[in-house]
Amino acid sequence: MVRIRVKNSKVIAKPVSQVYEYLADFSLHRQWDDDSKQYQGTPGIVDVGSTFQKLDICDTVSVGTLGTATINSTKTIVRTVTQADPNKPLEYKVASENGLMHRVEFFELEPVIGNSIQEGEATRVTKGTDLMCPSLRKNYMWLVLLVPVAWPFVLMNLIWMPSAVFGIIMDHRGKLGRIKKNLEGRAKDAMGTRTGTRVGE
């Protein structure tokens, strides 16, 4: 397998411990990941081996000009936590039940030290995705024999891969933006509550 890694980062004005607790609770992922709204799993801080399942049920499909046909099929996508340690990247594998889709997603958390940010008060959050693709080198002899048949698929992959990477980059940016908004928004809400209490007093 060949690994293609895509990473994006954003600084969030919250300490590493709070960011980790937020990201390690998969029941909260639905707040920033639209796809997670359909996952089912145990709430709370995850541990290695924790799994979350998503079921897609297809009842009706289009058959071109012939109309529609009813097909009862279920596709299962599973997220499995492979690393869960506050001092290491939070990592989980995403795979379909039949193994056709396979990728690894992870978060790296690093405390930020700067002139206007005190140590431990901000975190650089890196969202990463490792795409796992079949290696062509291992099967090059078969490709030589099947060049007329294989080249259209090779060309399709050459076109598909850059678009897939671009899509992942945009997806990372959107998710990191929502994570930042949610975490920093909590602090602003808490500050507003304290201010309101003082005024009331």
N, C-alpha and C. Protein backbone atom coordinates (compact mmCIF):
# COMPACT_ATOMS: atom_id res chain seq x y z
N MET A 1 0.83 -1.20 0.00
CA MET A 1 0.00 0.00 0.00
C MET A 1 0.87 1.26 0.00
N VAL A 2 0.41 2.29 -0.68
CA VAL A 2 1.09 3.58 -0.71
C VAL A 2 0.30 4.57 0.13
N ARG A 3 1.00 5.31 1.01
CA ARG A 3 0.34 6.27 1.87
C ARG A 3 0.50 7.67 1.32
N ILE A 4 -0.61 8.39 1.19
CA ILE A 4 -0.60 9.80 0.79
C ILE A 4 -1.13 10.61 1.97
N ARG A 5 -0.30 11.49 2.53
CA ARG A 5 -0.66 12.24 3.73
C ARG A 5 -1.02 13.68 3.40
N VAL A 6 -2.14 14.13 3.96
CA VAL A 6 -2.61 15.52 3.79
C VAL A 6 -2.81 16.11 5.19
N LYS A 7 -2.24 17.31 5.45
CA LYS A 7 -2.32 17.92 6.78
C LYS A 7 -2.65 19.40 6.67
N ASN A 8 -3.44 19.89 7.63
CA ASN A 8 -3.75 21.31 7.78
C ASN A 8 -3.73 21.66 9.26
N SER A 9 -3.35 22.90 9.58
CA SER A 9 -3.24 23.31 10.98
C SER A 9 -3.97 24.62 11.25
N LYS A 10 -4.35 24.80 12.52
CA LYS A 10 -4.96 26.05 12.97
C LYS A 10 -4.69 26.20 14.46
N VAL A 11 -4.41 27.44 14.89
CA VAL A 11 -4.16 27.72 16.30
C VAL A 11 -5.47 28.04 17.00
N ILE A 12 -5.70 27.36 18.14
CA ILE A 12 -6.92 27.55 18.92
C ILE A 12 -6.54 28.04 20.31
N ALA A 13 -7.20 29.08 20.77
CA ALA A 13 -6.87 29.70 22.05
C ALA A 13 -7.45 28.91 23.22
N LYS A 14 -7.03 27.66 23.33
CA LYS A 14 -7.41 26.80 24.45
C LYS A 14 -6.22 25.89 24.75
N PRO A 15 -6.02 25.48 26.01
CA PRO A 15 -4.91 24.59 26.34
C PRO A 15 -5.07 23.21 25.71
N VAL A 16 -3.95 22.50 25.57
CA VAL A 16 -3.94 21.19 24.92
C VAL A 16 -4.90 20.22 25.60
N SER A 17 -4.94 20.23 26.93
CA SER A 17 -5.78 19.28 27.66
C SER A 17 -7.26 19.44 27.29
N GLN A 18 -7.73 20.67 27.17
CA GLN A 18 -9.14 20.90 26.85
C GLN A 18 -9.44 20.55 25.40
N VAL A 19 -8.49 20.84 24.51
CA VAL A 19 -8.70 20.49 23.10
C VAL A 19 -8.75 18.98 22.94
N TYR A 20 -7.86 18.27 23.64
CA TYR A 20 -7.85 16.81 23.54
C TYR A 20 -9.16 16.21 24.05
N GLU A 21 -9.64 16.69 25.19
CA GLU A 21 -10.89 16.17 25.74
C GLU A 21 -12.05 16.38 24.77
N TYR A 22 -12.05 17.51 24.08
CA TYR A 22 -13.12 17.80 23.13
C TYR A 22 -13.04 16.87 21.92
N LEU A 23 -11.83 16.67 21.38
CA LEU A 23 -11.68 15.85 20.18
C LEU A 23 -11.78 14.35 20.49
N ALA A 24 -11.41 13.95 21.71
CA ALA A 24 -11.43 12.54 22.07
C ALA A 24 -12.81 12.04 22.48
N ASP A 25 -13.78 12.93 22.55
CA ASP A 25 -15.17 12.53 22.80
C ASP A 25 -15.88 12.49 21.45
N PHE A 26 -15.98 11.30 20.88
CA PHE A 26 -16.52 11.16 19.53
C PHE A 26 -18.00 11.52 19.45
N SER A 27 -18.68 11.53 20.59
CA SER A 27 -20.08 11.94 20.56
C SER A 27 -20.21 13.43 20.27
N LEU A 28 -19.12 14.19 20.43
CA LEU A 28 -19.13 15.63 20.14
C LEU A 28 -18.67 15.93 18.72
N HIS A 29 -18.22 14.93 17.99
CA HIS A 29 -17.74 15.16 16.63
C HIS A 29 -18.84 15.70 15.72
N ARG A 30 -20.08 15.38 16.05
CA ARG A 30 -21.19 15.85 15.22
C ARG A 30 -21.32 17.37 15.25
N GLN A 31 -20.66 18.03 16.23
CA GLN A 31 -20.71 19.48 16.30
C GLN A 31 -19.85 20.15 15.22
N TRP A 32 -18.87 19.41 14.69
CA TRP A 32 -17.99 20.01 13.67
C TRP A 32 -17.81 19.13 12.43
N ASP A 33 -18.28 17.89 12.49
CA ASP A 33 -18.15 16.97 11.36
C ASP A 33 -19.53 16.50 10.95
N ASP A 34 -20.02 16.98 9.80
CA ASP A 34 -21.36 16.62 9.35
C ASP A 34 -21.51 15.11 9.17
N ASP A 35 -20.45 14.44 8.73
CA ASP A 35 -20.52 13.00 8.50
C ASP A 35 -20.72 12.23 9.80
N SER A 36 -20.22 12.78 10.92
CA SER A 36 -20.31 12.08 12.21
C SER A 36 -21.71 12.08 12.78
N LYS A 37 -22.61 12.90 12.24
CA LYS A 37 -23.97 12.95 12.76
C LYS A 37 -24.68 11.61 12.59
N GLN A 38 -24.18 10.78 11.68
CA GLN A 38 -24.82 9.51 11.42
C GLN A 38 -24.10 8.34 12.08
N TYR A 39 -23.02 8.62 12.84
CA TYR A 39 -22.29 7.55 13.50
C TYR A 39 -22.90 7.22 14.85
N GLN A 40 -22.83 5.96 15.23
CA GLN A 40 -23.33 5.51 16.51
C GLN A 40 -22.19 4.86 17.29
N GLY A 41 -22.06 5.26 18.55
CA GLY A 41 -21.00 4.70 19.38
C GLY A 41 -21.19 5.12 20.82
N THR A 42 -20.26 4.72 21.67
CA THR A 42 -20.34 5.02 23.09
C THR A 42 -19.84 6.43 23.36
N PRO A 43 -20.63 7.28 24.04
CA PRO A 43 -20.18 8.64 24.34
C PRO A 43 -19.07 8.64 25.39
N GLY A 44 -18.35 9.75 25.47
CA GLY A 44 -17.26 9.87 26.44
C GLY A 44 -15.91 9.80 25.76
N ILE A 45 -14.84 9.96 26.56
CA ILE A 45 -13.48 9.93 26.04
C ILE A 45 -13.17 8.53 25.51
N VAL A 46 -12.68 8.47 24.28
CA VAL A 46 -12.44 7.17 23.64
C VAL A 46 -11.15 6.55 24.14
N ASP A 47 -11.02 5.26 23.90
CA ASP A 47 -9.80 4.52 24.20
C ASP A 47 -9.44 3.70 22.97
N VAL A 48 -8.24 3.14 22.95
CA VAL A 48 -7.81 2.33 21.82
C VAL A 48 -8.77 1.15 21.65
N GLY A 49 -9.25 0.96 20.44
CA GLY A 49 -10.19 -0.12 20.16
C GLY A 49 -11.63 0.33 20.12
N SER A 50 -11.93 1.55 20.58
CA SER A 50 -13.30 2.05 20.51
C SER A 50 -13.75 2.14 19.06
N THR A 51 -14.99 1.76 18.79
CA THR A 51 -15.49 1.77 17.42
C THR A 51 -16.79 2.57 17.34
N PHE A 52 -17.00 3.18 16.17
CA PHE A 52 -18.21 3.93 15.89
C PHE A 52 -18.67 3.53 14.50
N GLN A 53 -19.92 3.13 14.38
CA GLN A 53 -20.43 2.61 13.12
C GLN A 53 -21.43 3.56 12.48
N LYS A 54 -21.38 3.60 11.15
CA LYS A 54 -22.34 4.36 10.37
C LYS A 54 -22.99 3.41 9.37
N LEU A 55 -24.31 3.39 9.35
CA LEU A 55 -25.04 2.51 8.44
C LEU A 55 -25.74 3.34 7.37
N ASP A 56 -25.46 3.05 6.11
CA ASP A 56 -26.16 3.67 4.98
C ASP A 56 -27.04 2.62 4.33
N ILE A 57 -28.35 2.84 4.34
CA ILE A 57 -29.29 1.88 3.76
C ILE A 57 -29.85 2.43 2.46
N CYS A 58 -29.69 1.67 1.39
CA CYS A 58 -30.16 2.09 0.07
C CYS A 58 -31.38 1.25 -0.29
N ASP A 59 -32.53 1.89 -0.42
CA ASP A 59 -33.76 1.18 -0.74
C ASP A 59 -34.13 1.30 -2.21
N THR A 60 -33.92 2.49 -2.79
CA THR A 60 -34.34 2.73 -4.17
C THR A 60 -33.20 3.33 -4.98
N VAL A 61 -32.96 2.78 -6.14
CA VAL A 61 -31.91 3.29 -7.01
C VAL A 61 -32.49 3.55 -8.39
N SER A 62 -31.88 4.49 -9.11
CA SER A 62 -32.34 4.82 -10.46
C SER A 62 -31.72 3.86 -11.47
N VAL A 63 -32.51 3.46 -12.45
CA VAL A 63 -32.02 2.56 -13.50
C VAL A 63 -32.19 3.24 -14.85
N GLY A 64 -31.64 4.43 -14.97
CA GLY A 64 -31.69 5.17 -16.23
C GLY A 64 -33.11 5.45 -16.67
N THR A 65 -33.38 5.22 -17.94
CA THR A 65 -34.71 5.49 -18.50
C THR A 65 -35.73 4.43 -18.10
N LEU A 66 -35.27 3.37 -17.45
CA LEU A 66 -36.18 2.29 -17.06
C LEU A 66 -36.93 2.60 -15.78
N GLY A 67 -36.56 3.70 -15.12
CA GLY A 67 -37.25 4.06 -13.89
C GLY A 67 -36.41 3.74 -12.67
N THR A 68 -37.02 3.18 -11.65
CA THR A 68 -36.31 2.87 -10.41
C THR A 68 -36.48 1.41 -10.04
N ALA A 69 -35.56 0.94 -9.22
CA ALA A 69 -35.63 -0.44 -8.74
C ALA A 69 -35.37 -0.43 -7.24
N THR A 70 -36.00 -1.32 -6.54
CA THR A 70 -35.83 -1.42 -5.10
C THR A 70 -34.77 -2.45 -4.76
N ILE A 71 -33.72 -1.99 -4.08
CA ILE A 71 -32.63 -2.87 -3.69
C ILE A 71 -32.35 -2.65 -2.21
N ASN A 72 -32.51 -3.66 -1.42
CA ASN A 72 -32.24 -3.56 0.01
C ASN A 72 -30.76 -3.87 0.27
N SER A 73 -29.98 -2.82 0.41
CA SER A 73 -28.55 -3.00 0.66
C SER A 73 -28.11 -2.07 1.78
N THR A 74 -27.18 -2.52 2.58
CA THR A 74 -26.68 -1.74 3.70
C THR A 74 -25.17 -1.63 3.62
N LYS A 75 -24.66 -0.42 3.71
CA LYS A 75 -23.21 -0.19 3.70
C LYS A 75 -22.79 0.26 5.09
N THR A 76 -21.82 -0.43 5.65
CA THR A 76 -21.35 -0.11 6.99
C THR A 76 -19.96 0.51 6.92
N ILE A 77 -19.81 1.68 7.53
CA ILE A 77 -18.52 2.35 7.63
C ILE A 77 -18.16 2.44 9.11
N VAL A 78 -16.96 2.01 9.45
CA VAL A 78 -16.56 1.90 10.86
C VAL A 78 -15.33 2.77 11.13
N ARG A 79 -15.40 3.54 12.21
CA ARG A 79 -14.25 4.28 12.73
C ARG A 79 -13.71 3.51 13.93
N THR A 80 -12.44 3.16 13.89
CA THR A 80 -11.81 2.43 14.98
C THR A 80 -10.62 3.22 15.51
N VAL A 81 -10.63 3.51 16.81
CA VAL A 81 -9.55 4.29 17.42
C VAL A 81 -8.30 3.41 17.53
N THR A 82 -7.19 3.87 16.96
CA THR A 82 -5.94 3.11 16.98
C THR A 82 -4.90 3.73 17.90
N GLN A 83 -5.12 4.97 18.32
CA GLN A 83 -4.20 5.62 19.27
C GLN A 83 -4.95 6.70 20.02
N ALA A 84 -4.89 6.64 21.35
CA ALA A 84 -5.60 7.61 22.19
C ALA A 84 -4.74 7.90 23.41
N ASP A 85 -3.94 8.95 23.30
CA ASP A 85 -3.03 9.35 24.38
C ASP A 85 -2.86 10.86 24.29
N PRO A 86 -3.09 11.59 25.40
CA PRO A 86 -2.97 13.06 25.35
C PRO A 86 -1.61 13.54 24.86
N ASN A 87 -0.57 12.71 25.01
CA ASN A 87 0.78 13.11 24.60
C ASN A 87 1.15 12.62 23.20
N LYS A 88 0.20 11.98 22.52
CA LYS A 88 0.45 11.48 21.18
C LYS A 88 -0.73 11.86 20.28
N PRO A 89 -0.56 11.75 18.96
CA PRO A 89 -1.69 12.07 18.07
C PRO A 89 -2.90 11.18 18.35
N LEU A 90 -4.08 11.78 18.32
CA LEU A 90 -5.33 11.03 18.41
C LEU A 90 -5.61 10.48 17.02
N GLU A 91 -5.66 9.16 16.89
CA GLU A 91 -5.69 8.53 15.57
C GLU A 91 -6.81 7.50 15.48
N TYR A 92 -7.50 7.49 14.35
CA TYR A 92 -8.53 6.48 14.13
C TYR A 92 -8.59 6.09 12.66
N LYS A 93 -8.93 4.83 12.44
CA LYS A 93 -9.01 4.28 11.09
C LYS A 93 -10.45 4.31 10.61
N VAL A 94 -10.64 4.69 9.36
CA VAL A 94 -11.97 4.70 8.75
C VAL A 94 -11.97 3.67 7.63
N ALA A 95 -12.85 2.69 7.73
CA ALA A 95 -12.88 1.63 6.72
C ALA A 95 -14.29 1.15 6.51
N SER A 96 -14.58 0.72 5.29
CA SER A 96 -15.88 0.13 5.00
C SER A 96 -15.84 -1.35 5.38
N GLU A 97 -17.01 -1.93 5.52
CA GLU A 97 -17.11 -3.32 5.95
C GLU A 97 -16.43 -4.26 4.97
N ASN A 98 -16.50 -3.94 3.67
CA ASN A 98 -15.89 -4.82 2.66
C ASN A 98 -14.43 -4.49 2.41
N GLY A 99 -13.90 -3.46 3.10
CA GLY A 99 -12.49 -3.13 2.99
C GLY A 99 -12.11 -2.35 1.75
N LEU A 100 -13.08 -1.90 0.95
CA LEU A 100 -12.76 -1.17 -0.27
C LEU A 100 -12.26 0.24 0.02
N MET A 101 -12.70 0.84 1.12
CA MET A 101 -12.27 2.18 1.47
C MET A 101 -11.44 2.11 2.74
N HIS A 102 -10.28 2.75 2.74
CA HIS A 102 -9.42 2.69 3.91
C HIS A 102 -8.62 3.99 4.01
N ARG A 103 -8.78 4.66 5.13
CA ARG A 103 -7.96 5.84 5.39
C ARG A 103 -7.76 5.97 6.89
N VAL A 104 -6.74 6.70 7.28
CA VAL A 104 -6.45 6.95 8.68
C VAL A 104 -6.52 8.46 8.91
N GLU A 105 -7.27 8.87 9.92
CA GLU A 105 -7.38 10.29 10.26
C GLU A 105 -6.79 10.51 11.65
N PHE A 106 -6.18 11.67 11.86
CA PHE A 106 -5.53 11.92 13.14
C PHE A 106 -5.50 13.41 13.45
N PHE A 107 -5.31 13.70 14.75
CA PHE A 107 -5.13 15.06 15.24
C PHE A 107 -3.81 15.12 16.01
N GLU A 108 -2.98 16.11 15.68
CA GLU A 108 -1.76 16.38 16.44
C GLU A 108 -1.95 17.68 17.20
N LEU A 109 -1.63 17.68 18.49
CA LEU A 109 -1.82 18.85 19.35
C LEU A 109 -0.48 19.32 19.88
N GLU A 110 -0.21 20.61 19.72
CA GLU A 110 1.07 21.18 20.14
C GLU A 110 0.84 22.51 20.84
N PRO A 111 1.35 22.68 22.07
CA PRO A 111 1.19 23.97 22.75
C PRO A 111 1.91 25.08 22.00
N VAL A 112 1.30 26.25 21.95
CA VAL A 112 1.86 27.39 21.22
C VAL A 112 2.45 28.38 22.21
N ILE A 113 3.68 28.81 21.93
CA ILE A 113 4.35 29.81 22.77
C ILE A 113 4.65 31.01 21.89
N GLY A 114 4.13 32.18 22.24
CA GLY A 114 4.35 33.38 21.44
C GLY A 114 4.39 34.62 22.31
N ASN A 115 4.60 35.76 21.69
CA ASN A 115 4.70 37.01 22.44
C ASN A 115 3.39 37.38 23.13
N SER A 116 2.27 37.11 22.45
CA SER A 116 0.98 37.51 23.00
C SER A 116 0.20 36.34 23.59
N ILE A 117 0.80 35.13 23.54
CA ILE A 117 0.11 33.95 24.05
C ILE A 117 0.99 33.28 25.09
N GLN A 118 0.50 33.13 26.29
CA GLN A 118 1.28 32.49 27.34
C GLN A 118 1.33 30.99 27.10
N GLU A 119 2.38 30.35 27.62
CA GLU A 119 2.57 28.92 27.42
C GLU A 119 1.38 28.13 27.97
N GLY A 120 0.88 27.22 27.17
CA GLY A 120 -0.22 26.36 27.60
C GLY A 120 -1.60 26.93 27.36
N GLU A 121 -1.72 28.18 26.93
CA GLU A 121 -3.03 28.78 26.74
C GLU A 121 -3.55 28.65 25.32
N ALA A 122 -2.71 28.19 24.40
CA ALA A 122 -3.15 28.00 23.02
C ALA A 122 -2.56 26.71 22.48
N THR A 123 -3.23 26.17 21.47
CA THR A 123 -2.82 24.88 20.91
C THR A 123 -2.84 24.95 19.39
N ARG A 124 -1.78 24.46 18.77
CA ARG A 124 -1.78 24.30 17.32
C ARG A 124 -2.37 22.92 17.02
N VAL A 125 -3.53 22.91 16.40
CA VAL A 125 -4.23 21.66 16.08
C VAL A 125 -3.98 21.32 14.61
N THR A 126 -3.42 20.16 14.37
CA THR A 126 -3.17 19.69 13.00
C THR A 126 -4.10 18.53 12.70
N LYS A 127 -4.92 18.71 11.67
CA LYS A 127 -5.83 17.65 11.21
C LYS A 127 -5.17 16.96 10.03
N GLY A 128 -5.03 15.65 10.11
CA GLY A 128 -4.35 14.92 9.05
C GLY A 128 -5.15 13.73 8.55
N THR A 129 -4.92 13.38 7.30
CA THR A 129 -5.55 12.21 6.69
C THR A 129 -4.50 11.44 5.90
N ASP A 130 -4.41 10.15 6.14
CA ASP A 130 -3.55 9.27 5.37
C ASP A 130 -4.43 8.43 4.46
N LEU A 131 -4.29 8.64 3.16
CA LEU A 131 -5.01 7.82 2.19
C LEU A 131 -4.17 6.59 1.88
N MET A 132 -4.77 5.43 1.94
CA MET A 132 -4.06 4.19 1.65
C MET A 132 -4.46 3.71 0.26
N CYS A 133 -3.49 3.69 -0.65
CA CYS A 133 -3.74 3.30 -2.04
C CYS A 133 -2.90 2.09 -2.41
N PRO A 134 -3.40 1.21 -3.28
CA PRO A 134 -2.62 0.04 -3.70
C PRO A 134 -1.34 0.47 -4.40
N SER A 135 -0.27 -0.25 -4.13
CA SER A 135 1.01 0.03 -4.76
C SER A 135 1.07 -0.57 -6.16
N LEU A 136 1.44 0.28 -7.14
CA LEU A 136 1.55 -0.22 -8.51
C LEU A 136 2.84 -0.99 -8.73
N ARG A 137 3.87 -0.68 -7.94
CA ARG A 137 5.16 -1.34 -8.15
C ARG A 137 5.08 -2.84 -7.90
N LYS A 138 4.29 -3.22 -6.88
CA LYS A 138 4.19 -4.64 -6.56
C LYS A 138 3.53 -5.43 -7.67
N ASN A 139 2.74 -4.74 -8.49
CA ASN A 139 2.01 -5.44 -9.55
C ASN A 139 2.44 -4.99 -10.94
N TYR A 140 3.69 -4.46 -11.04
CA TYR A 140 4.10 -3.90 -12.33
C TYR A 140 4.16 -4.94 -13.43
N MET A 141 4.48 -6.21 -13.09
CA MET A 141 4.55 -7.25 -14.12
C MET A 141 3.18 -7.49 -14.72
N TRP A 142 2.16 -7.48 -13.87
CA TRP A 142 0.80 -7.66 -14.38
C TRP A 142 0.39 -6.47 -15.24
N LEU A 143 0.85 -5.25 -14.85
CA LEU A 143 0.51 -4.07 -15.63
C LEU A 143 1.14 -4.13 -17.02
N VAL A 144 2.36 -4.67 -17.09
CA VAL A 144 3.02 -4.80 -18.40
C VAL A 144 2.20 -5.69 -19.31
N LEU A 145 1.66 -6.77 -18.74
CA LEU A 145 0.87 -7.69 -19.54
C LEU A 145 -0.50 -7.11 -19.90
N LEU A 146 -0.99 -6.21 -19.04
CA LEU A 146 -2.35 -5.70 -19.24
C LEU A 146 -2.35 -4.21 -19.60
N VAL A 147 -1.28 -3.73 -20.24
CA VAL A 147 -1.17 -2.30 -20.55
C VAL A 147 -2.39 -1.76 -21.29
N PRO A 148 -2.87 -2.41 -22.34
CA PRO A 148 -4.03 -1.85 -23.04
C PRO A 148 -5.25 -1.69 -22.14
N VAL A 149 -5.40 -2.60 -21.19
CA VAL A 149 -6.56 -2.54 -20.30
C VAL A 149 -6.30 -1.62 -19.12
N ALA A 150 -5.07 -1.62 -18.61
CA ALA A 150 -4.76 -0.91 -17.36
C ALA A 150 -4.62 0.59 -17.53
N TRP A 151 -4.13 1.06 -18.69
CA TRP A 151 -3.84 2.48 -18.82
C TRP A 151 -5.04 3.39 -18.59
N PRO A 152 -6.23 3.07 -19.06
CA PRO A 152 -7.37 3.95 -18.74
C PRO A 152 -7.59 4.13 -17.25
N PHE A 153 -7.39 3.04 -16.47
CA PHE A 153 -7.56 3.14 -15.02
C PHE A 153 -6.43 3.95 -14.39
N VAL A 154 -5.21 3.81 -14.93
CA VAL A 154 -4.08 4.59 -14.42
C VAL A 154 -4.32 6.08 -14.66
N LEU A 155 -4.80 6.42 -15.86
CA LEU A 155 -5.09 7.81 -16.17
C LEU A 155 -6.20 8.37 -15.29
N MET A 156 -7.20 7.54 -15.02
CA MET A 156 -8.29 7.98 -14.14
C MET A 156 -7.77 8.29 -12.75
N ASN A 157 -6.83 7.46 -12.25
CA ASN A 157 -6.26 7.70 -10.93
C ASN A 157 -5.42 8.97 -10.90
N LEU A 158 -4.70 9.23 -12.00
CA LEU A 158 -3.88 10.44 -12.08
C LEU A 158 -4.76 11.69 -12.03
N ILE A 159 -5.96 11.60 -12.58
CA ILE A 159 -6.88 12.73 -12.55
C ILE A 159 -7.59 12.81 -11.21
N TRP A 160 -7.97 11.64 -10.67
CA TRP A 160 -8.75 11.60 -9.43
C TRP A 160 -7.94 12.01 -8.21
N MET A 161 -6.67 11.60 -8.13
CA MET A 161 -5.89 11.81 -6.92
C MET A 161 -5.72 13.29 -6.56
N PRO A 162 -5.32 14.18 -7.51
CA PRO A 162 -5.20 15.60 -7.13
C PRO A 162 -6.52 16.20 -6.68
N SER A 163 -7.62 15.82 -7.32
CA SER A 163 -8.92 16.36 -6.91
C SER A 163 -9.30 15.85 -5.53
N ALA A 164 -8.95 14.59 -5.22
CA ALA A 164 -9.25 14.04 -3.90
C ALA A 164 -8.45 14.76 -2.82
N VAL A 165 -7.17 15.02 -3.09
CA VAL A 165 -6.32 15.73 -2.13
C VAL A 165 -6.84 17.14 -1.89
N PHE A 166 -7.23 17.83 -2.96
CA PHE A 166 -7.78 19.19 -2.83
C PHE A 166 -9.06 19.16 -1.99
N GLY A 167 -9.90 18.16 -2.23
CA GLY A 167 -11.14 18.04 -1.46
C GLY A 167 -10.86 17.82 0.02
N ILE A 168 -9.84 17.01 0.34
CA ILE A 168 -9.48 16.76 1.74
C ILE A 168 -8.96 18.03 2.39
N ILE A 169 -8.14 18.80 1.66
CA ILE A 169 -7.61 20.05 2.21
C ILE A 169 -8.75 21.00 2.58
N MET A 170 -9.71 21.16 1.68
CA MET A 170 -10.85 22.04 1.95
C MET A 170 -11.69 21.51 3.11
N ASP A 171 -11.82 20.18 3.18
CA ASP A 171 -12.58 19.56 4.27
C ASP A 171 -11.89 19.82 5.61
N HIS A 172 -10.56 19.68 5.64
CA HIS A 172 -9.81 19.95 6.87
C HIS A 172 -10.01 21.39 7.33
N ARG A 173 -9.92 22.33 6.40
CA ARG A 173 -10.05 23.74 6.76
C ARG A 173 -11.42 24.03 7.36
N GLY A 174 -12.45 23.46 6.77
CA GLY A 174 -13.79 23.68 7.30
C GLY A 174 -13.96 23.10 8.69
N LYS A 175 -13.45 21.88 8.91
CA LYS A 175 -13.59 21.23 10.22
C LYS A 175 -12.78 21.96 11.28
N LEU A 176 -11.55 22.35 10.95
CA LEU A 176 -10.73 23.08 11.92
C LEU A 176 -11.36 24.42 12.28
N GLY A 177 -11.97 25.07 11.30
CA GLY A 177 -12.65 26.33 11.58
C GLY A 177 -13.81 26.15 12.54
N ARG A 178 -14.58 25.08 12.36
CA ARG A 178 -15.71 24.83 13.26
C ARG A 178 -15.23 24.42 14.65
N ILE A 179 -14.15 23.63 14.72
CA ILE A 179 -13.59 23.25 16.02
C ILE A 179 -13.13 24.49 16.78
N LYS A 180 -12.43 25.37 16.09
CA LYS A 180 -11.95 26.62 16.71
C LYS A 180 -13.12 27.46 17.20
N LYS A 181 -14.13 27.59 16.37
CA LYS A 181 -15.30 28.40 16.74
C LYS A 181 -16.00 27.81 17.95
N ASN A 182 -16.16 26.49 17.98
CA ASN A 182 -16.86 25.85 19.09
C ASN A 182 -16.09 25.97 20.40
N LEU A 183 -14.78 25.70 20.35
CA LEU A 183 -13.98 25.73 21.58
C LEU A 183 -13.82 27.15 22.11
N GLU A 184 -13.47 28.08 21.24
CA GLU A 184 -13.29 29.46 21.69
C GLU A 184 -14.62 30.11 22.02
N GLY A 185 -15.69 29.66 21.37
CA GLY A 185 -17.02 30.18 21.68
C GLY A 185 -17.45 29.81 23.08
N ARG A 186 -17.05 28.60 23.53
CA ARG A 186 -17.37 28.19 24.89
C ARG A 186 -16.76 29.14 25.90
N ALA A 187 -15.50 29.54 25.65
CA ALA A 187 -14.82 30.45 26.58
C ALA A 187 -15.52 31.80 26.61
N LYS A 188 -15.95 32.30 25.43
CA LYS A 188 -16.63 33.59 25.37
C LYS A 188 -17.97 33.53 26.09
N ASP A 189 -18.69 32.39 25.91
CA ASP A 189 -19.98 32.24 26.59
C ASP A 189 -19.80 32.23 28.10
N ALA A 190 -18.75 31.52 28.56
CA ALA A 190 -18.50 31.46 30.00
C ALA A 190 -18.13 32.83 30.54
N MET A 191 -17.33 33.59 29.77
CA MET A 191 -16.94 34.93 30.20
C MET A 191 -18.15 35.85 30.26
N GLY A 192 -19.05 35.72 29.27
CA GLY A 192 -20.26 36.52 29.27
C GLY A 192 -21.15 36.21 30.45
N THR A 193 -21.21 34.92 30.82
CA THR A 193 -22.02 34.51 31.96
C THR A 193 -21.48 35.11 33.25
N ARG A 194 -20.14 35.07 33.41
CA ARG A 194 -19.53 35.64 34.62
C ARG A 194 -19.76 37.14 34.69
N THR A 195 -19.64 37.82 33.53
CA THR A 195 -19.85 39.27 33.50
C THR A 195 -21.29 39.61 33.87
N GLY A 196 -22.24 38.84 33.33
CA GLY A 196 -23.64 39.07 33.64
C GLY A 196 -23.94 38.86 35.11
N THR A 197 -23.27 37.88 35.72
CA THR A 197 -23.48 37.61 37.14
C THR A 197 -22.98 38.77 37.99
N ARG A 198 -21.82 39.31 37.61
CA ARG A 198 -21.27 40.44 38.37
C ARG A 198 -22.17 41.67 38.26
N VAL A 199 -22.70 41.91 37.06
CA VAL A 199 -23.59 43.06 36.88
C VAL A 199 -24.85 42.89 37.72
N GLY A 200 -25.36 41.67 37.76
CA GLY A 200 -26.56 41.41 38.55
C GLY A 200 -26.33 41.60 40.03
N GLU A 201 -25.09 41.27 40.46
CA GLU A 201 -24.78 41.45 41.87
C GLU A 201 -24.76 42.94 42.24
